[in-house]
């Protein structure tokens, strides 16, 4: 009976040690492409479209909010969507806003540099 418990405890200790050793690698693979260790969002891969994540998506979200404000300020209230949360994730709300603003989707790197980065 003592050897059974000794084996169970040994296996548990080995498992804990392995998890401790590979802890960062396990979670780095799970969150790859989302953010860096300092919390900044990593660069997205072009073209930007539904599911894209990164700093370029954040800039595109800012651009879309700015364009929506320009439409509304010009008396053209065609966009009945709330401002986007600048989270760096191209989800359903970013997609809907991009379609309302008539932004070409997917956004290529050329589109991004010509429109969004210079805006």
Protein backbone atom coordinates (compact mmCIF):
# COMPACT_ATOMS: atom_id res chain seq x y z
CA UNK A 1 0.00 0.00 0.00
CA UNK A 2 2.87 2.37 0.78
CA UNK A 3 4.42 1.82 -2.64
CA UNK A 4 1.12 2.67 -4.35
CA UNK A 5 0.98 6.04 -2.56
CA UNK A 6 4.67 6.63 -3.20
CA UNK A 7 4.10 6.13 -6.95
CA UNK A 8 1.05 8.43 -6.97
CA UNK A 9 2.92 11.16 -5.09
CA UNK A 10 5.97 10.79 -7.35
CA UNK A 11 3.84 11.09 -10.49
CA UNK A 12 2.08 14.14 -9.06
CA UNK A 13 5.40 15.81 -8.21
CA UNK A 14 6.75 15.11 -11.71
CA UNK A 15 3.56 16.55 -13.25
CA UNK A 16 3.81 19.72 -11.14
CA UNK A 17 7.49 20.16 -12.04
CA UNK A 18 6.78 19.70 -15.77
CA UNK A 19 3.92 22.19 -15.68
CA UNK A 20 6.14 24.68 -13.83
CA UNK A 21 8.91 24.26 -16.41
CA UNK A 22 6.67 24.57 -19.47
CA UNK A 23 4.10 27.04 -18.03
CA UNK A 24 5.11 29.99 -20.23
CA UNK A 25 5.35 27.85 -23.36
CA UNK A 26 1.89 26.36 -22.79
CA UNK A 27 0.19 29.75 -22.53
CA UNK A 28 2.37 31.41 -25.18
CA UNK A 29 0.97 28.99 -27.78
CA UNK A 30 -2.60 29.56 -26.61
CA UNK A 31 -2.37 33.35 -26.86
CA UNK A 32 0.01 33.62 -29.83
CA UNK A 33 -0.85 36.57 -32.03
CA UNK A 34 -3.08 38.25 -29.48
CA UNK A 35 -0.77 40.18 -27.24
CA UNK A 36 2.76 40.41 -25.97
CA UNK A 37 3.86 40.04 -22.37
CA UNK A 38 3.61 43.82 -21.83
CA UNK A 39 -0.05 43.83 -22.94
CA UNK A 40 0.47 45.44 -26.35
CA UNK A 41 -1.34 43.87 -29.24
CA UNK A 42 0.90 42.33 -31.86
CA UNK A 43 0.88 43.21 -35.55
CA UNK A 44 -1.90 41.77 -37.64
CA UNK A 45 -1.41 39.89 -40.86
CA UNK A 46 -2.81 41.53 -43.96
CA UNK A 47 -5.39 41.48 -45.37
CA UNK A 48 -7.45 42.64 -42.40
CA UNK A 49 -10.82 40.95 -42.20
CA UNK A 50 -13.18 39.25 -39.77
CA UNK A 51 -11.06 37.47 -37.16
CA UNK A 52 -7.95 39.63 -37.62
CA UNK A 53 -6.22 40.90 -34.50
CA UNK A 54 -3.47 43.39 -33.88
CA UNK A 55 -2.32 46.98 -33.83
CA UNK A 56 -3.45 47.54 -37.42
CA UNK A 57 -6.99 46.52 -36.46
CA UNK A 58 -6.89 49.04 -33.60
CA UNK A 59 -5.89 51.77 -36.05
CA UNK A 60 -8.65 50.69 -38.43
CA UNK A 61 -11.18 50.83 -35.58
CA UNK A 62 -10.03 54.36 -34.74
CA UNK A 63 -10.35 55.29 -38.43
CA UNK A 64 -13.88 53.87 -38.58
CA UNK A 65 -14.94 55.79 -35.45
CA UNK A 66 -13.46 58.97 -36.94
CA UNK A 67 -15.26 58.45 -40.26
CA UNK A 68 -18.55 57.78 -38.44
CA UNK A 69 -18.10 61.04 -36.50
CA UNK A 70 -17.38 62.89 -39.76
CA UNK A 71 -20.55 61.52 -41.36
CA UNK A 72 -22.62 62.51 -38.33
CA UNK A 73 -21.01 65.96 -38.10
CA UNK A 74 -21.79 66.52 -41.77
CA UNK A 75 -25.46 65.91 -41.11
CA UNK A 76 -25.44 62.47 -42.73
CA UNK A 77 -26.75 60.22 -40.02
CA UNK A 78 -26.63 57.01 -41.96
CA UNK A 79 -24.75 55.03 -39.39
CA UNK A 80 -26.86 53.81 -36.51
CA UNK A 81 -24.07 51.93 -34.77
CA UNK A 82 -22.34 52.75 -31.50
CA UNK A 83 -18.67 53.73 -31.61
CA UNK A 84 -16.35 50.77 -31.73
CA UNK A 85 -14.39 49.68 -28.69
CA UNK A 86 -10.73 49.93 -29.68
CA UNK A 87 -9.70 46.39 -28.75
CA UNK A 88 -7.68 45.29 -31.79
CA UNK A 89 -10.08 42.49 -32.68
CA UNK A 90 -11.99 42.58 -35.98
CA UNK A 91 -15.31 41.14 -34.90
CA UNK A 92 -18.94 41.54 -35.93
CA UNK A 93 -19.19 45.21 -34.84
CA UNK A 94 -16.03 46.22 -36.69
CA UNK A 95 -17.24 44.32 -39.76
CA UNK A 96 -20.64 46.04 -39.64
CA UNK A 97 -19.08 49.48 -39.23
CA UNK A 98 -16.63 48.85 -42.09
CA UNK A 99 -19.53 47.84 -44.34
CA UNK A 100 -21.53 50.97 -43.38
CA UNK A 101 -18.53 53.22 -44.05
CA UNK A 102 -18.07 51.35 -47.37
CA UNK A 103 -14.51 50.38 -46.51
CA UNK A 104 -13.14 47.79 -48.90
CA UNK A 105 -13.04 44.44 -47.13
CA UNK A 106 -10.64 42.77 -46.72
CA UNK A 107 -8.30 45.68 -46.04
CA UNK A 108 -5.01 45.14 -47.84
CA UNK A 109 -1.76 46.63 -46.64
CA UNK A 110 -1.97 49.17 -49.48
CA UNK A 111 -5.51 50.19 -48.40
CA UNK A 112 -4.32 50.49 -44.83
CA UNK A 113 -1.34 52.66 -45.74
CA UNK A 114 -3.35 54.91 -48.10
CA UNK A 115 -6.48 55.39 -46.04
CA UNK A 116 -6.13 54.51 -42.42
CA UNK A 117 -2.51 55.18 -41.58
CA UNK A 118 -2.59 58.61 -43.23
CA UNK A 119 -5.99 59.63 -41.81
